[in-house]
């Protein structure tokens, strides 16, 4: 970490980092005026002693830990952020805000920020590999719990800590890790994500001042992994370290919902387009998938947060509205009478022959006919990736109508890997 030569990181990985940053700015811009972000900014301002770091999508500023907290909430809020597919970690939201805040405060270059982000994201994904899948299944929100390690590592890099102190920063972060799946449909989940970069910065600052952590704070007999209920698979986490990149298995969402529902949405779009179906022709819809799909998505929808993790809602919006964008997951659409009525036609069934992330949708029409489609790899997956142009269009759509200069933000992100500071990018992203 501390001794990695940024110039030696392969160009394809650095480009992947820029893609993740572009996506992160887009999702943060789309949520910048959400009440959850507004509340976070007010809460942080109450004890923010400085104003050195930009809030994405907002003209006001906070100290680096406060800005990192609020920006991470914004990046994660719409369930539109990137996903490391083997662990279902969203690595950018807990790591990038720490990098942006510290690099901006210290006037560091875009290239330095990109290197720190990539190293932090890699640490996040590899520690996730160490404890997956049991960690998430036990109720730990893995984006938050593992994200703090990446934020600490990235912050240590930007602070110029040596290998020993970087290790202590990561070890200190083990005691600052938290986040619960039970909070998934509330803003408390986003607060957990916000705490990851905030606590990561704190861990690095403490290490810089001489705090030390146990050498095996993560994998030890009484360390973080064991305390969270899992025997750590250390070889899996370290396999190929320095030669291969876990972060290379990062994917981007075309729909603002839990990633396991994207194959459901794609299958519904396929049926709707192939058979020119109208919603009032449909008698019932059966969605089949792995146990994970049912565990995450077979739920009553009480608000827009439930809708983002509901297989019933994923099917309903495609057949009713022919769309699955931000508007279709907002409260007005989620609780509209016609949406509620259609969701009641949808049921989920386990099909253990389907791998996680795949889905089969079967539609029965009022005249008794049935139509079905199976999607093994959803749009946005590694097998069907979103292009750079797709990510640019996503940012423009999320920024549109809010007064942000989307074109300038896109230009500045693609130019980030160079000697200039983050000033132009953060200025464009704040609307200043």
Protein backbone atom coordinates (compact mmCIF):
# COMPACT_ATOMS: atom_id res chain seq x y z
CA UNK A 1 0.00 0.00 0.00
CA UNK A 2 2.42 2.64 1.23
CA UNK A 3 5.15 1.61 -1.20
CA UNK A 4 3.00 0.96 -4.29
CA UNK A 5 4.14 2.94 -7.31
CA UNK A 6 1.02 4.53 -8.75
CA UNK A 7 2.61 4.65 -12.18
CA UNK A 8 2.93 0.86 -12.10
CA UNK A 9 -0.83 0.35 -11.70
CA UNK A 10 -2.06 -0.93 -15.09
CA UNK A 11 -3.76 1.59 -17.35
CA UNK A 12 -6.92 -0.53 -17.52
CA UNK A 13 -7.20 -0.42 -13.70
CA UNK A 14 -6.65 3.33 -13.56
CA UNK A 15 -9.35 3.70 -16.23
CA UNK A 16 -11.66 1.51 -14.16
CA UNK A 17 -11.00 3.86 -11.27
CA UNK A 18 -12.04 6.84 -13.38
CA UNK A 19 -15.23 5.02 -14.37
CA UNK A 20 -16.03 4.41 -10.71
CA UNK A 21 -15.35 8.05 -9.84
CA UNK A 22 -17.56 9.25 -12.70
CA UNK A 23 -20.35 6.99 -11.50
CA UNK A 24 -19.85 8.14 -7.91
CA UNK A 25 -20.16 11.80 -8.83
CA UNK A 26 -23.33 11.01 -10.78
CA UNK A 27 -25.04 9.19 -7.93
CA UNK A 28 -24.02 11.89 -5.43
CA UNK A 29 -25.38 14.63 -7.69
CA UNK A 30 -28.67 12.78 -8.06
CA UNK A 31 -29.15 12.64 -4.30
CA UNK A 32 -27.60 15.96 -3.27
CA UNK A 33 -30.90 17.60 -2.32
CA UNK A 34 -32.52 14.54 -0.79
CA UNK A 35 -33.75 15.10 2.79
CA UNK A 36 -31.36 12.41 4.05
CA UNK A 37 -28.38 14.35 2.69
CA UNK A 38 -29.78 17.66 3.95
CA UNK A 39 -30.12 16.15 7.42
CA UNK A 40 -26.60 14.73 7.33
CA UNK A 41 -25.15 18.11 6.38
CA UNK A 42 -27.01 19.84 9.23
CA UNK A 43 -25.83 17.23 11.71
CA UNK A 44 -22.20 17.47 10.62
CA UNK A 45 -22.23 21.27 10.52
CA UNK A 46 -23.06 21.35 14.24
CA UNK A 47 -19.51 20.23 15.10
CA UNK A 48 -17.54 20.84 11.90
CA UNK A 49 -14.70 23.18 12.84
CA UNK A 50 -13.55 23.91 9.29
CA UNK A 51 -14.80 24.26 5.75
CA UNK A 52 -11.99 22.71 3.71
CA UNK A 53 -13.91 20.12 1.71
CA UNK A 54 -16.60 20.29 -0.96
CA UNK A 55 -20.05 18.79 -0.71
CA UNK A 56 -20.97 17.31 -4.09
CA UNK A 57 -24.01 19.04 -5.55
CA UNK A 58 -24.04 21.74 -2.89
CA UNK A 59 -22.34 25.15 -2.53
CA UNK A 60 -21.57 24.73 1.18
CA UNK A 61 -18.49 23.04 2.61
CA UNK A 62 -17.52 21.09 5.73
CA UNK A 63 -14.37 19.76 7.33
CA UNK A 64 -13.00 16.62 5.61
CA UNK A 65 -14.60 14.03 7.94
CA UNK A 66 -17.98 15.80 7.75
CA UNK A 67 -17.85 16.20 3.98
CA UNK A 68 -16.82 12.55 3.57
CA UNK A 69 -19.77 11.47 5.73
CA UNK A 70 -22.32 13.49 3.73
CA UNK A 71 -20.87 12.70 0.30
CA UNK A 72 -20.84 8.97 1.04
CA UNK A 73 -24.50 9.10 1.99
CA UNK A 74 -25.26 10.86 -1.29
CA UNK A 75 -23.30 8.34 -3.35
CA UNK A 76 -25.10 5.40 -1.74
CA UNK A 77 -28.58 6.80 -1.19
CA UNK A 78 -30.28 5.92 -4.49
CA UNK A 79 -28.94 2.34 -4.61
CA UNK A 80 -27.37 3.38 -7.91
CA UNK A 81 -23.69 2.95 -6.98
CA UNK A 82 -21.13 0.47 -8.27
CA UNK A 83 -20.90 -3.12 -7.07
CA UNK A 84 -18.01 -5.53 -6.56
CA UNK A 85 -19.90 -8.59 -7.73
CA UNK A 86 -18.20 -11.37 -5.69
CA UNK A 87 -19.00 -9.62 -2.38
CA UNK A 88 -21.86 -7.20 -3.30
CA UNK A 89 -19.76 -4.40 -1.79
CA UNK A 90 -20.33 -0.93 -3.21
CA UNK A 91 -16.67 0.15 -2.98
CA UNK A 92 -16.76 3.74 -4.21
CA UNK A 93 -19.18 5.25 -1.69
CA UNK A 94 -17.14 4.38 1.43
CA UNK A 95 -13.71 5.12 -0.07
CA UNK A 96 -13.92 7.95 -2.61
CA UNK A 97 -15.38 10.60 -0.25
CA UNK A 98 -12.41 10.20 2.11
CA UNK A 99 -10.02 10.57 -0.82
CA UNK A 100 -11.76 13.64 -2.22
CA UNK A 101 -11.91 15.39 1.14
CA UNK A 102 -8.26 14.85 2.10
CA UNK A 103 -6.85 15.43 -1.39
CA UNK A 104 -8.80 18.66 -1.74
CA UNK A 105 -7.79 19.91 1.69
CA UNK A 106 -4.11 19.18 1.05
CA UNK A 107 -3.98 20.35 -2.56
CA UNK A 108 -2.87 16.95 -3.85
CA UNK A 109 -2.94 16.00 -7.50
CA UNK A 110 -5.67 14.10 -9.27
CA UNK A 111 -3.20 11.30 -10.01
CA UNK A 112 -2.38 10.96 -6.30
CA UNK A 113 -6.08 10.90 -5.47
CA UNK A 114 -6.79 8.25 -8.12
CA UNK A 115 -3.96 6.03 -6.84
CA UNK A 116 -5.18 6.31 -3.25
CA UNK A 117 -8.74 5.54 -4.32
CA UNK A 118 -7.71 2.43 -6.26
CA UNK A 119 -5.63 1.11 -3.37
CA UNK A 120 -8.41 1.77 -0.89
CA UNK A 121 -11.03 0.16 -3.10
CA UNK A 122 -8.79 -2.87 -3.53
CA UNK A 123 -8.37 -3.24 0.23
CA UNK A 124 -12.15 -2.99 0.66
CA UNK A 125 -12.85 -5.71 -1.90
CA UNK A 126 -10.12 -8.06 -0.67
CA UNK A 127 -11.21 -7.86 2.96
CA UNK A 128 -14.73 -8.48 1.70
CA UNK A 129 -13.44 -11.57 -0.09
CA UNK A 130 -11.94 -12.73 3.20
CA UNK A 131 -15.33 -12.89 4.96
CA UNK A 132 -17.86 -13.41 2.16
CA UNK A 133 -20.52 -14.65 1.91
CA UNK A 134 -21.13 -15.38 5.59
CA UNK A 135 -20.44 -11.85 6.79
CA UNK A 136 -23.35 -10.29 4.90
CA UNK A 137 -25.60 -13.26 5.63
CA UNK A 138 -25.07 -12.68 9.36
CA UNK A 139 -26.46 -9.17 9.05
CA UNK A 140 -23.34 -7.06 8.58
CA UNK A 141 -23.72 -4.41 5.89
CA UNK A 142 -20.53 -5.27 4.07
CA UNK A 143 -20.19 -1.96 2.20
CA UNK A 144 -19.94 -0.15 5.52
CA UNK A 145 -18.01 -2.72 7.51
CA UNK A 146 -15.34 -3.38 4.87
CA UNK A 147 -15.40 0.10 3.40
CA UNK A 148 -13.81 1.61 6.50
CA UNK A 149 -10.65 -0.42 5.88
CA UNK A 150 -10.35 0.90 2.34
CA UNK A 151 -11.01 4.44 3.51
CA UNK A 152 -8.30 4.09 6.17
CA UNK A 153 -5.81 2.69 3.66
CA UNK A 154 -6.55 5.42 1.12
CA UNK A 155 -6.33 8.13 3.77
CA UNK A 156 -3.03 6.74 5.02
CA UNK A 157 -1.68 6.89 1.48
CA UNK A 158 -2.70 10.54 1.10
CA UNK A 159 -1.18 11.39 4.50
CA UNK A 160 2.10 9.83 3.38
CA UNK A 161 2.19 7.20 6.12
CA UNK A 162 4.82 4.48 5.87
CA UNK A 163 3.95 0.78 5.71
CA UNK A 164 4.01 0.31 9.49
CA UNK A 165 1.68 3.21 10.21
CA UNK A 166 -0.58 2.28 7.31
CA UNK A 167 -0.94 -1.15 8.93
CA UNK A 168 -1.86 0.51 12.20
CA UNK A 169 -4.43 2.71 10.43
CA UNK A 170 -6.10 -0.38 8.96
CA UNK A 171 -5.96 -2.11 12.34
CA UNK A 172 -7.48 0.90 14.10
CA UNK A 173 -10.26 0.86 11.50
CA UNK A 174 -11.17 -2.66 12.64
CA UNK A 175 -12.48 -1.16 15.86
CA UNK A 176 -14.41 1.53 13.96
CA UNK A 177 -16.25 -0.83 11.61
CA UNK A 178 -20.04 -1.12 11.65
CA UNK A 179 -23.27 -1.26 9.64
CA UNK A 180 -26.33 -3.54 9.65
CA UNK A 181 -28.41 -5.15 6.91
CA UNK A 182 -31.47 -4.77 9.15
CA UNK A 183 -31.25 -1.04 8.44
CA UNK A 184 -31.29 -1.62 4.66
CA UNK A 185 -34.60 0.15 4.03
CA UNK A 186 -33.87 3.18 6.22
CA UNK A 187 -31.47 6.11 6.13
CA UNK A 188 -29.59 4.46 8.99
CA UNK A 189 -28.07 2.16 6.36
CA UNK A 190 -26.71 5.21 4.54
CA UNK A 191 -25.38 6.63 7.80
CA UNK A 192 -23.37 3.44 8.22
CA UNK A 193 -21.89 3.98 4.76
CA UNK A 194 -21.17 7.61 5.69
CA UNK A 195 -19.31 6.52 8.81
CA UNK A 196 -16.92 4.36 6.78
CA UNK A 197 -14.95 7.25 5.16
CA UNK A 198 -15.34 9.43 8.23
CA UNK A 199 -13.90 6.73 10.48
CA UNK A 200 -11.30 5.79 7.88
CA UNK A 201 -9.94 9.34 7.96
CA UNK A 202 -9.94 9.22 11.76
CA UNK A 203 -8.07 5.90 11.80
CA UNK A 204 -5.35 7.27 9.52
CA UNK A 205 -5.02 10.50 11.52
CA UNK A 206 -4.69 8.52 14.74
CA UNK A 207 -2.03 6.30 13.20
CA UNK A 208 -0.19 9.38 11.99
CA UNK A 209 -0.14 10.65 15.59
CA UNK A 210 1.26 7.40 16.95
CA UNK A 211 -1.74 5.20 17.76
CA UNK A 212 -1.01 1.51 17.25
CA UNK A 213 -3.26 -1.50 16.66
CA UNK A 214 -2.78 -5.21 17.22
CA UNK A 215 -0.90 -6.84 14.32
CA UNK A 216 -3.82 -9.23 13.66
CA UNK A 217 -6.69 -6.83 14.43
CA UNK A 218 -8.60 -8.16 11.43
CA UNK A 219 -7.80 -11.86 11.18
CA UNK A 220 -6.67 -12.68 14.72
CA UNK A 221 -8.29 -15.14 17.14
CA UNK A 222 -10.21 -12.30 18.77
CA UNK A 223 -10.05 -9.93 15.80
CA UNK A 224 -12.65 -8.25 13.66
CA UNK A 225 -13.47 -11.18 11.37
CA UNK A 226 -13.96 -13.64 14.23
CA UNK A 227 -15.95 -11.10 16.24
CA UNK A 228 -18.25 -10.72 13.25
CA UNK A 229 -18.79 -14.48 13.31
CA UNK A 230 -16.64 -15.75 10.45
CA UNK A 231 -13.41 -17.70 10.07
CA UNK A 232 -11.38 -15.39 7.81
CA UNK A 233 -10.21 -16.83 4.51
CA UNK A 234 -6.87 -15.03 4.49
CA UNK A 235 -5.42 -16.89 1.47
CA UNK A 236 -8.41 -15.85 -0.63
CA UNK A 237 -7.90 -12.23 0.32
CA UNK A 238 -4.18 -12.29 -0.46
CA UNK A 239 -4.29 -14.40 -3.62
CA UNK A 240 -2.57 -12.54 -6.44
CA UNK A 241 -2.05 -9.39 -4.37
CA UNK A 242 0.10 -7.01 -6.36
CA UNK A 243 -0.50 -8.92 -9.59
CA UNK A 244 -4.27 -9.10 -10.03
CA UNK A 245 -6.99 -6.68 -8.96
CA UNK A 246 -10.19 -7.65 -7.14
CA UNK A 247 -11.51 -4.20 -8.05
CA UNK A 248 -11.51 -5.28 -11.69
CA UNK A 249 -14.72 -7.21 -10.91
CA UNK A 250 -16.55 -3.94 -10.23
CA UNK A 251 -19.78 -3.35 -12.14
CA UNK A 252 -22.12 -0.40 -12.66
CA UNK A 253 -25.87 -0.20 -12.30
CA UNK A 254 -28.24 0.88 -15.07
CA UNK A 255 -31.15 0.84 -12.57
CA UNK A 256 -31.35 2.48 -9.10
CA UNK A 257 -32.14 -0.68 -7.16
CA UNK A 258 -30.48 -3.63 -5.51
CA UNK A 259 -28.27 -5.33 -8.06
CA UNK A 260 -29.92 -8.75 -7.63
CA UNK A 261 -33.11 -7.26 -9.13
CA UNK A 262 -31.51 -6.09 -12.36
CA UNK A 263 -31.99 -9.44 -14.09
CA UNK A 264 -35.67 -9.28 -13.10
CA UNK A 265 -35.99 -5.86 -14.70
CA UNK A 266 -34.17 -6.99 -17.84
CA UNK A 267 -36.36 -10.08 -18.18
CA UNK A 268 -39.50 -7.98 -17.83
CA UNK A 269 -38.26 -5.54 -20.46
CA UNK A 270 -37.56 -8.47 -22.79
CA UNK A 271 -41.07 -9.89 -22.39
CA UNK A 272 -42.71 -6.49 -22.72
CA UNK A 273 -40.81 -5.65 -25.91
CA UNK A 274 -41.09 -9.07 -27.54
CA UNK A 275 -44.79 -9.46 -27.05
CA UNK A 276 -46.00 -5.83 -26.99
CA UNK A 277 -47.81 -6.44 -23.71
CA UNK A 278 -49.96 -3.90 -21.94
CA UNK A 279 -50.18 -4.04 -18.17
CA UNK A 280 -53.93 -4.66 -18.17
CA UNK A 281 -53.41 -7.89 -20.17
CA UNK A 282 -51.43 -9.44 -17.32
CA UNK A 283 -53.08 -11.74 -14.79
CA UNK A 284 -50.00 -12.63 -12.74
CA UNK A 285 -46.20 -12.58 -12.77
CA UNK A 286 -43.91 -15.19 -11.24
CA UNK A 287 -40.30 -14.23 -10.59
CA UNK A 288 -37.88 -17.11 -10.01
CA UNK A 289 -34.33 -16.81 -8.78
CA UNK A 290 -31.74 -17.95 -6.27
CA UNK A 291 -32.52 -17.94 -2.55
CA UNK A 292 -30.68 -14.62 -2.29
CA UNK A 293 -33.21 -12.95 -4.61
CA UNK A 294 -36.08 -14.00 -2.38
CA UNK A 295 -34.24 -13.19 0.84
CA UNK A 296 -33.55 -9.66 -0.33
CA UNK A 297 -36.61 -8.89 -2.41
CA UNK A 298 -39.71 -10.73 -1.21
CA UNK A 299 -41.01 -7.90 0.94
CA UNK A 300 -43.98 -5.60 1.52
CA UNK A 301 -43.33 -2.17 0.00
CA UNK A 302 -44.12 0.60 2.50
CA UNK A 303 -41.96 3.35 1.03
CA UNK A 304 -39.50 4.14 -1.75
CA UNK A 305 -36.63 2.47 0.10
CA UNK A 306 -38.53 -0.80 0.20
CA UNK A 307 -39.27 -0.37 -3.51
CA UNK A 308 -35.54 -0.33 -4.36
CA UNK A 309 -35.15 -3.80 -2.87
CA UNK A 310 -38.42 -5.39 -3.98
CA UNK A 311 -38.74 -7.98 -6.75
CA UNK A 312 -42.46 -7.16 -6.92
CA UNK A 313 -41.76 -3.50 -7.61
CA UNK A 314 -39.01 -4.29 -10.12
CA UNK A 315 -41.52 -6.20 -12.24
CA UNK A 316 -44.40 -3.78 -11.74
CA UNK A 317 -42.67 -0.64 -13.01
CA UNK A 318 -41.51 -2.25 -16.24
CA UNK A 319 -44.94 -3.56 -17.18
CA UNK A 320 -46.78 -0.44 -15.99
CA UNK A 321 -44.46 2.34 -17.11
CA UNK A 322 -41.90 0.79 -19.43
CA UNK A 323 -39.12 2.39 -17.40
CA UNK A 324 -36.92 1.69 -14.37
CA UNK A 325 -35.22 4.99 -13.60
CA UNK A 326 -35.00 7.18 -10.54
CA UNK A 327 -38.59 8.42 -10.94
CA UNK A 328 -40.00 4.88 -10.91
CA UNK A 329 -38.36 4.22 -7.54
CA UNK A 330 -39.48 7.47 -5.90
CA UNK A 331 -42.30 7.57 -3.35
CA UNK A 332 -44.91 9.03 -5.71
CA UNK A 333 -44.56 6.11 -8.09
CA UNK A 334 -43.90 3.46 -5.47
CA UNK A 335 -47.10 4.23 -3.59
CA UNK A 336 -49.34 5.08 -6.57
CA UNK A 337 -52.55 2.96 -6.47
CA UNK A 338 -51.87 1.32 -9.83
CA UNK A 339 -48.33 0.37 -8.73
CA UNK A 340 -49.57 -1.08 -5.46
CA UNK A 341 -52.25 -3.05 -7.33
CA UNK A 342 -49.82 -4.48 -9.86
CA UNK A 343 -47.31 -5.51 -7.19
CA UNK A 344 -50.02 -7.74 -5.72
CA UNK A 345 -49.97 -9.76 -8.97
CA UNK A 346 -46.28 -10.60 -8.55
CA UNK A 347 -44.90 -13.47 -6.51
CA UNK A 348 -41.42 -14.84 -6.02
CA UNK A 349 -40.29 -18.46 -6.13
CA UNK A 350 -36.92 -20.02 -5.42
CA UNK A 351 -35.20 -21.73 -8.35
CA UNK A 352 -31.93 -23.12 -7.04
CA UNK A 353 -30.82 -23.99 -10.57
CA UNK A 354 -30.35 -20.29 -11.26
CA UNK A 355 -27.10 -18.68 -10.09
CA UNK A 356 -27.15 -15.55 -7.90
CA UNK A 357 -27.87 -12.53 -10.06
CA UNK A 358 -29.98 -14.45 -12.60
CA UNK A 359 -33.78 -14.55 -12.87
CA UNK A 360 -36.64 -16.07 -14.81
CA UNK A 361 -39.87 -14.12 -15.20
CA UNK A 362 -43.06 -15.85 -16.31
CA UNK A 363 -46.12 -13.81 -17.20
CA UNK A 364 -49.62 -15.30 -17.40
CA UNK A 365 -52.08 -13.27 -19.46
CA UNK A 366 -55.81 -12.94 -18.87
CA UNK A 367 -56.46 -15.17 -21.89
CA UNK A 368 -54.35 -17.96 -20.34
CA UNK A 369 -51.26 -17.54 -22.51
CA UNK A 370 -47.86 -17.46 -20.84
CA UNK A 371 -44.65 -15.68 -21.82
CA UNK A 372 -41.31 -16.04 -20.11
CA UNK A 373 -37.71 -14.87 -20.25
CA UNK A 374 -34.54 -15.85 -18.42
CA UNK A 375 -31.65 -13.46 -17.89
CA UNK A 376 -28.41 -14.98 -16.64
CA UNK A 377 -26.32 -11.82 -16.88
CA UNK A 378 -28.03 -8.50 -16.28
CA UNK A 379 -27.20 -5.34 -18.14
CA UNK A 380 -24.35 -3.64 -16.30
CA UNK A 381 -22.73 -6.92 -15.25
CA UNK A 382 -19.15 -7.86 -16.12
CA UNK A 383 -20.54 -9.91 -19.02
CA UNK A 384 -22.69 -7.01 -20.28
CA UNK A 385 -20.87 -3.92 -19.02
CA UNK A 386 -22.00 -0.33 -19.23
CA UNK A 387 -19.77 1.63 -21.60
CA UNK A 388 -18.02 4.90 -20.80
CA UNK A 389 -20.71 6.65 -22.85
CA UNK A 390 -23.40 4.90 -20.78
CA UNK A 391 -21.83 6.18 -17.56
CA UNK A 392 -21.60 9.70 -18.98
CA UNK A 393 -25.28 9.57 -19.93
CA UNK A 394 -26.13 8.32 -16.45
CA UNK A 395 -24.32 11.26 -14.87
CA UNK A 396 -26.03 13.74 -17.18
CA UNK A 397 -29.44 12.29 -16.32
CA UNK A 398 -28.75 12.41 -12.58
CA UNK A 399 -27.36 15.94 -12.75
CA UNK A 400 -29.96 17.26 -15.18
CA UNK A 401 -32.23 20.10 -14.16
CA UNK A 402 -30.29 20.85 -10.98
CA UNK A 403 -27.95 23.50 -12.34
CA UNK A 404 -24.78 21.41 -12.37
CA UNK A 405 -22.40 21.60 -15.30
CA UNK A 406 -22.48 17.91 -16.16
CA UNK A 407 -20.31 18.33 -19.25
CA UNK A 408 -17.55 20.03 -17.25
CA UNK A 409 -17.69 17.40 -14.49
CA UNK A 410 -17.30 14.65 -17.10
CA UNK A 411 -14.33 16.43 -18.69
CA UNK A 412 -12.67 16.94 -15.31
CA UNK A 413 -13.13 13.32 -14.21
CA UNK A 414 -11.58 11.91 -17.38
CA UNK A 415 -8.68 14.34 -16.94
CA UNK A 416 -8.19 13.49 -13.27
CA UNK A 417 -5.17 11.22 -13.73
CA UNK A 418 -2.66 14.03 -13.99
CA UNK A 419 -0.66 16.63 -12.03
CA UNK A 420 -3.45 19.14 -11.44
CA UNK A 421 -5.30 19.46 -8.14
CA UNK A 422 -8.96 18.56 -7.68
CA UNK A 423 -10.01 22.22 -7.57
CA UNK A 424 -11.66 22.41 -10.98
CA UNK A 425 -13.53 19.14 -10.54
CA UNK A 426 -14.80 19.94 -7.04
CA UNK A 427 -15.76 23.45 -8.12
CA UNK A 428 -17.82 22.11 -11.02
CA UNK A 429 -19.40 19.43 -8.85
CA UNK A 430 -20.44 21.91 -6.16
CA UNK A 431 -22.09 24.32 -8.57
CA UNK A 432 -19.78 27.10 -7.41
